[in-house]
């Protein structure tokens, strides 16, 4: 069916006007000017971690401003292209205009999703932990497949990542892994990936033609910031040091540089072994511990509010997605209903559609809760 270009372009302009009002290009320009001033400071790289955060945020802000400012120009170009195609009765030009229209609508959807991330920590970097569950070698292999999926997703977007800790399985794959994704709104996006992931396939590790179901848990927390003031007394922490290990349990260094922190009051355990020194590993472990304690505090406050309101619900993230690699190849999100018939692309990091659907679903759940 032929596209009604005037009506569709008018709809795009209307939706864009609403999105533009939320993203506020004027405020975004002011933020960029402030970040540029910080980035030009002569002592910027005295603190490399802070410098990387500033330059990464500046790059993302410039990209967002360019997307917003360029969208209206692209709409104007589309109108010109349609006019040329209609006047010249040029089917090839109209086909090009149709392709441009579909890309514009996809990009507008992505911008709209950005406006739906208004949570307290959505703007922050993310710390992601993947743990293998039931399923033996298939589960540890699945955990490694998920790790690659998220790292490839970050690579597609140019987001910096850093693996903080890896616990390798004796057989295939990994028992657990923790990594950072350093990009504005990394937490807002990846937080909808939290929960239990399920893989069903013909096992490459068992007897022939035997279907195996395995599980992996994904935890996503916001990166701690110095302004969060989460104090952790030394008396509440048990510190263990050990040698870093690689696949198959082999030692990867000859010093006790890996660090395990146990928070005694809560039982939270954080291990780090991917940094070069014990001091660096302890600092990285403390950051993740503080992030988990911050999130735990907020969850307890939210649970208390729900209890007072007489409305306690299970976490929305549990049992959130299934991956079927036998028969009908399919990846399906159990919350949103979004699915893909190409698991290979999904495991190669093509998960934006799942993330966007999850963000829209989460916002709808929040709006419904507010109405109730």
Protein backbone atom coordinates (compact mmCIF):
# COMPACT_ATOMS: atom_id res chain seq x y z
CA UNK A 1 0.00 0.00 0.00
CA UNK A 2 1.34 3.40 -1.00
CA UNK A 3 2.42 5.71 1.83
CA UNK A 4 0.36 8.88 2.35
CA UNK A 5 3.50 11.00 2.59
CA UNK A 6 1.89 14.36 3.56
CA UNK A 7 -0.08 12.77 6.43
CA UNK A 8 2.83 10.62 7.62
CA UNK A 9 5.35 13.47 7.53
CA UNK A 10 2.89 15.70 9.42
CA UNK A 11 2.61 12.97 12.07
CA UNK A 12 6.39 12.70 12.32
CA UNK A 13 6.65 16.46 12.81
CA UNK A 14 3.99 16.43 15.51
CA UNK A 15 5.66 13.59 17.42
CA UNK A 16 9.08 15.19 17.02
CA UNK A 17 7.80 18.50 18.46
CA UNK A 18 6.70 16.67 21.62
CA UNK A 19 10.03 14.84 21.91
CA UNK A 20 12.02 18.02 21.29
CA UNK A 21 10.16 19.76 24.12
CA UNK A 22 11.32 17.02 26.52
CA UNK A 23 14.91 16.77 25.28
CA UNK A 24 15.22 20.60 25.34
CA UNK A 25 18.04 21.44 22.87
CA UNK A 26 18.67 24.79 24.61
CA UNK A 27 19.40 23.10 27.92
CA UNK A 28 21.44 20.46 26.09
CA UNK A 29 23.61 23.19 24.51
CA UNK A 30 24.20 24.73 27.94
CA UNK A 31 25.23 21.35 29.32
CA UNK A 32 27.62 20.81 26.41
CA UNK A 33 29.21 24.24 27.02
CA UNK A 34 29.76 23.31 30.68
CA UNK A 35 31.25 19.94 29.76
CA UNK A 36 33.53 21.56 27.17
CA UNK A 37 34.78 23.97 29.84
CA UNK A 38 35.55 21.03 32.13
CA UNK A 39 37.20 19.10 29.28
CA UNK A 40 39.51 22.02 28.47
CA UNK A 41 40.86 22.32 32.02
CA UNK A 42 44.66 21.87 32.01
CA UNK A 43 44.56 19.40 34.92
CA UNK A 44 41.77 17.29 33.37
CA UNK A 45 43.84 14.12 32.99
CA UNK A 46 45.29 14.27 36.48
CA UNK A 47 42.26 12.18 37.38
CA UNK A 48 41.92 9.76 34.45
CA UNK A 49 38.66 8.20 35.63
CA UNK A 50 36.97 11.60 35.93
CA UNK A 51 38.47 12.74 32.61
CA UNK A 52 37.11 9.69 30.79
CA UNK A 53 33.68 10.25 32.33
CA UNK A 54 33.63 13.89 31.22
CA UNK A 55 34.80 13.20 27.66
CA UNK A 56 32.39 10.26 27.29
CA UNK A 57 29.46 12.34 28.54
CA UNK A 58 30.43 15.22 26.26
CA UNK A 59 30.61 12.94 23.23
CA UNK A 60 27.18 11.47 24.01
CA UNK A 61 25.64 14.92 24.57
CA UNK A 62 27.02 16.19 21.25
CA UNK A 63 25.64 13.11 19.48
CA UNK A 64 22.22 13.64 21.04
CA UNK A 65 22.15 17.32 20.05
CA UNK A 66 23.20 16.41 16.51
CA UNK A 67 20.37 13.84 16.29
CA UNK A 68 17.79 16.35 17.51
CA UNK A 69 18.99 19.22 15.33
CA UNK A 70 19.42 17.02 12.29
CA UNK A 71 16.01 15.39 12.45
CA UNK A 72 14.01 18.40 11.24
CA UNK A 73 16.51 18.92 8.42
CA UNK A 74 16.05 15.29 7.39
CA UNK A 75 12.28 15.78 7.41
CA UNK A 76 12.69 18.79 5.09
CA UNK A 77 14.90 16.73 2.79
CA UNK A 78 12.27 13.97 2.74
CA UNK A 79 9.56 16.41 1.68
CA UNK A 80 11.76 17.66 -1.17
CA UNK A 81 12.47 14.09 -2.26
CA UNK A 82 8.76 13.22 -2.25
CA UNK A 83 7.94 16.35 -4.23
CA UNK A 84 10.57 15.47 -6.85
CA UNK A 85 9.28 11.91 -7.12
CA UNK A 86 5.64 12.95 -7.49
CA UNK A 87 6.28 15.74 -10.01
CA UNK A 88 8.61 13.58 -12.09
CA UNK A 89 6.49 10.45 -11.66
CA UNK A 90 9.76 8.81 -10.67
CA UNK A 91 9.18 5.45 -8.98
CA UNK A 92 12.85 5.08 -8.03
CA UNK A 93 12.89 8.43 -6.23
CA UNK A 94 9.65 7.58 -4.41
CA UNK A 95 11.13 4.23 -3.36
CA UNK A 96 14.14 6.11 -1.94
CA UNK A 97 11.74 8.45 -0.14
CA UNK A 98 9.90 5.47 1.36
CA UNK A 99 13.16 4.00 2.66
CA UNK A 100 14.13 7.36 4.18
CA UNK A 101 10.69 7.64 5.79
CA UNK A 102 10.99 4.24 7.48
CA UNK A 103 14.48 5.12 8.79
CA UNK A 104 13.20 8.46 10.12
CA UNK A 105 10.36 6.75 11.93
CA UNK A 106 12.78 4.23 13.47
CA UNK A 107 15.12 7.02 14.61
CA UNK A 108 12.18 8.97 16.04
CA UNK A 109 11.08 5.91 18.00
CA UNK A 110 14.60 5.68 19.47
CA UNK A 111 14.50 9.37 20.48
CA UNK A 112 11.10 8.85 22.06
CA UNK A 113 12.45 5.96 24.12
CA UNK A 114 15.17 8.27 25.43
CA UNK A 115 12.46 10.56 26.85
CA UNK A 116 10.96 7.62 28.76
CA UNK A 117 14.14 7.17 30.83
CA UNK A 118 13.51 9.52 33.72
CA UNK A 119 14.36 7.29 36.67
CA UNK A 120 16.61 8.46 39.47
CA UNK A 121 19.66 6.58 38.13
CA UNK A 122 18.75 6.08 34.47
CA UNK A 123 21.40 8.56 33.33
CA UNK A 124 24.26 6.65 34.96
CA UNK A 125 26.79 4.07 33.81
CA UNK A 126 25.81 0.46 34.43
CA UNK A 127 27.43 -2.43 36.26
CA UNK A 128 26.17 -5.76 34.90
CA UNK A 129 26.62 -9.18 36.51
CA UNK A 130 25.71 -12.41 34.72
CA UNK A 131 25.47 -15.65 36.73
CA UNK A 132 24.90 -19.12 35.32
CA UNK A 133 21.99 -21.04 36.84
CA UNK A 134 20.57 -24.53 36.45
CA UNK A 135 21.71 -26.46 33.41
CA UNK A 136 25.32 -27.52 33.95
CA UNK A 137 27.71 -26.85 31.05
CA UNK A 138 24.85 -25.47 28.96
CA UNK A 139 24.15 -22.84 31.62
CA UNK A 140 27.78 -21.72 31.93
CA UNK A 141 28.05 -21.63 28.14
CA UNK A 142 24.81 -19.62 28.01
CA UNK A 143 26.23 -17.11 30.52
CA UNK A 144 29.22 -16.59 28.22
CA UNK A 145 26.89 -16.18 25.21
CA UNK A 146 25.01 -13.43 27.10
CA UNK A 147 28.29 -11.73 28.00
CA UNK A 148 29.28 -11.62 24.34
CA UNK A 149 25.79 -10.36 23.41
CA UNK A 150 26.00 -7.37 25.76
CA UNK A 151 29.62 -6.55 24.88
CA UNK A 152 28.75 -6.65 21.17
CA UNK A 153 25.72 -4.43 21.82
CA UNK A 154 27.96 -1.89 23.57
CA UNK A 155 30.52 -2.11 20.75
CA UNK A 156 27.82 -1.40 18.16
CA UNK A 157 27.05 1.86 19.98
CA UNK A 158 30.64 2.82 20.71
CA UNK A 159 30.17 2.42 24.47
CA UNK A 160 33.24 1.71 26.58
CA UNK A 161 33.16 -1.54 28.57
CA UNK A 162 35.42 -3.02 31.20
CA UNK A 163 35.30 -6.56 32.57
CA UNK A 164 35.86 -6.38 36.33
CA UNK A 165 35.66 -10.01 37.42
CA UNK A 166 35.26 -13.40 35.75
CA UNK A 167 34.70 -16.75 37.42
CA UNK A 168 35.39 -19.47 34.85
CA UNK A 169 33.63 -22.82 34.83
CA UNK A 170 35.59 -26.06 34.97
CA UNK A 171 34.03 -27.10 31.66
CA UNK A 172 32.61 -24.64 29.14
CA UNK A 173 31.79 -20.99 29.66
CA UNK A 174 31.70 -18.96 32.86
CA UNK A 175 30.07 -19.24 36.27
CA UNK A 176 29.76 -15.47 36.59
CA UNK A 177 31.10 -12.21 35.22
CA UNK A 178 30.82 -8.55 36.21
CA UNK A 179 31.47 -5.71 33.78
CA UNK A 180 30.91 -1.97 33.45
CA UNK A 181 29.27 -0.15 30.56
CA UNK A 182 30.41 3.46 30.58
CA UNK A 183 27.91 5.57 28.65
CA UNK A 184 25.17 8.06 29.53
CA UNK A 185 21.88 6.24 30.18
CA UNK A 186 23.60 2.85 30.13
CA UNK A 187 21.76 1.94 33.33
CA UNK A 188 18.43 3.25 32.02
CA UNK A 189 18.74 1.03 28.97
CA UNK A 190 20.27 -2.11 30.43
CA UNK A 191 18.16 -2.16 33.61
CA UNK A 192 15.31 -3.65 31.55
CA UNK A 193 17.59 -6.63 30.83
CA UNK A 194 17.67 -7.62 34.50
CA UNK A 195 16.06 -10.92 35.40
CA UNK A 196 16.16 -14.59 34.47
CA UNK A 197 17.07 -15.57 30.89
CA UNK A 198 16.23 -19.06 29.63
CA UNK A 199 17.90 -20.99 26.81
CA UNK A 200 16.38 -24.06 25.14
CA UNK A 201 18.45 -25.94 22.56
CA UNK A 202 19.85 -29.29 21.53
CA UNK A 203 22.75 -29.56 23.94
CA UNK A 204 26.24 -29.70 22.38
CA UNK A 205 27.52 -31.16 25.65
CA UNK A 206 25.16 -34.10 26.23
CA UNK A 207 23.85 -37.02 24.24
CA UNK A 208 22.79 -36.43 20.65
CA UNK A 209 19.39 -34.86 19.96
CA UNK A 210 18.70 -34.21 23.64
CA UNK A 211 16.98 -30.90 24.31
CA UNK A 212 18.43 -28.99 27.26
CA UNK A 213 16.95 -26.02 29.11
CA UNK A 214 19.36 -23.82 31.02
CA UNK A 215 19.18 -20.52 32.87
CA UNK A 216 21.26 -17.44 33.59
CA UNK A 217 20.51 -14.47 35.83
CA UNK A 218 21.34 -10.90 34.80
CA UNK A 219 21.74 -8.20 37.46
CA UNK A 220 22.09 -4.54 36.50
CA UNK A 221 22.96 -1.80 39.00
CA UNK A 222 23.83 1.88 38.55
CA UNK A 223 27.44 2.92 38.95
CA UNK A 224 28.14 4.59 42.28
CA UNK A 225 29.15 8.26 42.31
CA UNK A 226 31.17 10.14 44.90
CA UNK A 227 28.13 12.25 45.76
CA UNK A 228 26.06 9.23 46.84
CA UNK A 229 27.68 9.07 50.30
CA UNK A 230 27.28 5.37 50.99
CA UNK A 231 29.53 4.82 53.97
CA UNK A 232 30.70 1.25 54.57
CA UNK A 233 32.57 0.89 57.88
CA UNK A 234 35.66 -1.32 57.73
CA UNK A 235 34.25 -3.33 60.64
CA UNK A 236 31.39 -4.47 58.37
CA UNK A 237 33.70 -5.84 55.66
CA UNK A 238 35.58 -9.12 55.49
CA UNK A 239 38.46 -8.96 53.01
CA UNK A 240 39.94 -12.06 51.36
CA UNK A 241 42.80 -12.01 48.86
CA UNK A 242 43.65 -14.77 46.41
CA UNK A 243 45.34 -15.41 43.10
CA UNK A 244 43.48 -14.56 39.91
CA UNK A 245 42.44 -17.58 37.86
CA UNK A 246 41.65 -18.15 34.22
CA UNK A 247 39.75 -20.80 32.23
CA UNK A 248 40.02 -24.28 33.71
CA UNK A 249 41.16 -22.91 37.05
CA UNK A 250 44.66 -22.06 35.85
CA UNK A 251 46.47 -19.30 37.74
CA UNK A 252 47.05 -16.18 35.69
CA UNK A 253 49.49 -14.50 38.07
CA UNK A 254 51.80 -15.39 40.92
CA UNK A 255 50.63 -12.83 43.50
CA UNK A 256 47.52 -12.59 45.64
CA UNK A 257 46.08 -9.63 43.71
CA UNK A 258 42.43 -10.72 43.48
CA UNK A 259 40.12 -9.39 46.20
CA UNK A 260 36.85 -10.65 47.65
CA UNK A 261 34.78 -8.31 49.85
CA UNK A 262 32.00 -9.70 52.03
CA UNK A 263 29.57 -7.21 53.55
CA UNK A 264 28.80 -8.91 56.85
CA UNK A 265 25.41 -7.28 57.65
CA UNK A 266 23.85 -8.18 54.27
CA UNK A 267 25.97 -11.12 53.10
CA UNK A 268 26.68 -9.37 49.77
CA UNK A 269 29.90 -10.71 48.21
CA UNK A 270 31.89 -8.90 45.52
CA UNK A 271 35.01 -10.33 43.87
CA UNK A 272 37.43 -8.50 41.58
CA UNK A 273 40.44 -9.99 39.80
CA UNK A 274 40.81 -8.27 36.44
CA UNK A 275 42.81 -5.24 37.61
CA UNK A 276 46.61 -5.41 37.86
CA UNK A 277 47.02 -4.82 41.58
CA UNK A 278 45.32 -5.72 44.84
CA UNK A 279 44.72 -2.02 45.56
CA UNK A 280 42.97 -1.52 42.19
CA UNK A 281 40.88 -4.65 42.64
CA UNK A 282 39.83 -3.58 46.14
CA UNK A 283 38.83 -0.11 44.89
CA UNK A 284 36.79 -1.62 42.04
CA UNK A 285 35.14 -4.11 44.41
CA UNK A 286 34.25 -1.33 46.85
CA UNK A 287 32.59 0.69 44.06
CA UNK A 288 30.40 -2.26 43.08
CA UNK A 289 29.62 -3.06 46.74
CA UNK A 290 28.56 0.54 47.34
CA UNK A 291 26.38 0.45 44.23
CA UNK A 292 24.65 -2.73 45.40
CA UNK A 293 24.11 -1.32 48.89
CA UNK A 294 22.68 1.88 47.42
CA UNK A 295 20.27 -0.11 45.25
CA UNK A 296 19.36 -2.36 48.20
CA UNK A 297 18.57 0.69 50.32
CA UNK A 298 16.29 2.12 47.65
CA UNK A 299 14.58 -1.26 47.11
CA UNK A 300 13.92 -1.58 50.84
CA UNK A 301 12.42 1.91 50.91
CA UNK A 302 10.22 1.10 47.90
CA UNK A 303 9.14 -2.23 49.45
CA UNK A 304 8.21 -0.46 52.67
CA UNK A 305 6.09 2.05 50.76
CA UNK A 306 4.32 -0.77 48.88
CA UNK A 307 3.72 -2.64 52.13
CA UNK A 308 2.18 0.44 53.70
CA UNK A 309 -0.03 0.78 50.62
CA UNK A 310 -0.98 -2.92 50.79
CA UNK A 311 0.40 -3.61 47.32
CA UNK A 312 3.40 -5.92 47.11
CA UNK A 313 4.26 -7.22 43.64
CA UNK A 314 6.95 -9.54 42.40
CA UNK A 315 9.86 -8.00 40.53
CA UNK A 316 8.97 -7.32 36.90
CA UNK A 317 12.39 -8.55 35.74
CA UNK A 318 12.03 -12.23 36.70
CA UNK A 319 11.68 -14.86 33.91
CA UNK A 320 11.95 -12.13 31.33
CA UNK A 321 13.20 -13.75 28.10
CA UNK A 322 13.46 -17.12 26.37
CA UNK A 323 15.90 -18.09 23.62
CA UNK A 324 14.88 -21.08 21.47
CA UNK A 325 17.67 -22.54 19.33
CA UNK A 326 15.91 -25.66 18.08
CA UNK A 327 13.00 -26.16 15.70
CA UNK A 328 11.54 -22.69 15.23
CA UNK A 329 14.45 -20.34 15.93
CA UNK A 330 13.05 -17.66 18.20
CA UNK A 331 13.91 -15.16 20.93
CA UNK A 332 10.86 -13.93 22.85
CA UNK A 333 10.47 -11.44 25.66
CA UNK A 334 7.87 -12.74 28.07
CA UNK A 335 6.93 -9.29 29.41
CA UNK A 336 6.57 -7.27 26.24
CA UNK A 337 5.78 -10.02 23.73
CA UNK A 338 8.53 -8.67 21.45
CA UNK A 339 10.27 -11.43 19.52
CA UNK A 340 12.89 -12.07 16.87
CA UNK A 341 13.19 -15.02 14.51
CA UNK A 342 16.95 -14.50 14.15
CA UNK A 343 18.71 -15.60 17.39
CA UNK A 344 22.13 -15.29 15.72
CA UNK A 345 21.64 -11.55 15.28
CA UNK A 346 20.36 -11.21 18.83
CA UNK A 347 23.39 -13.00 20.29
CA UNK A 348 25.56 -10.77 18.10
CA UNK A 349 24.28 -7.73 20.01
CA UNK A 350 21.25 -6.72 17.94
CA UNK A 351 19.03 -6.18 21.00
CA UNK A 352 17.95 -2.54 20.67
CA UNK A 353 14.40 -3.52 19.75
CA UNK A 354 14.15 -5.68 22.88
CA UNK A 355 15.56 -2.89 25.06
CA UNK A 356 13.24 -0.26 23.58
CA UNK A 357 10.22 -2.53 24.01
CA UNK A 358 11.29 -3.17 27.62
CA UNK A 359 11.60 0.55 28.36
CA UNK A 360 8.14 1.22 26.92
CA UNK A 361 6.72 -1.71 28.91
CA UNK A 362 8.33 -0.48 32.11
CA UNK A 363 6.95 3.03 31.60
CA UNK A 364 3.46 1.63 30.98
CA UNK A 365 3.72 -0.39 34.21
CA UNK A 366 4.81 2.72 36.11
CA UNK A 367 1.97 4.80 34.67
CA UNK A 368 -0.53 2.08 35.56
CA UNK A 369 0.85 1.92 39.12
CA UNK A 370 0.52 5.70 39.44
CA UNK A 371 -3.09 5.54 38.26
CA UNK A 372 -3.86 2.83 40.81
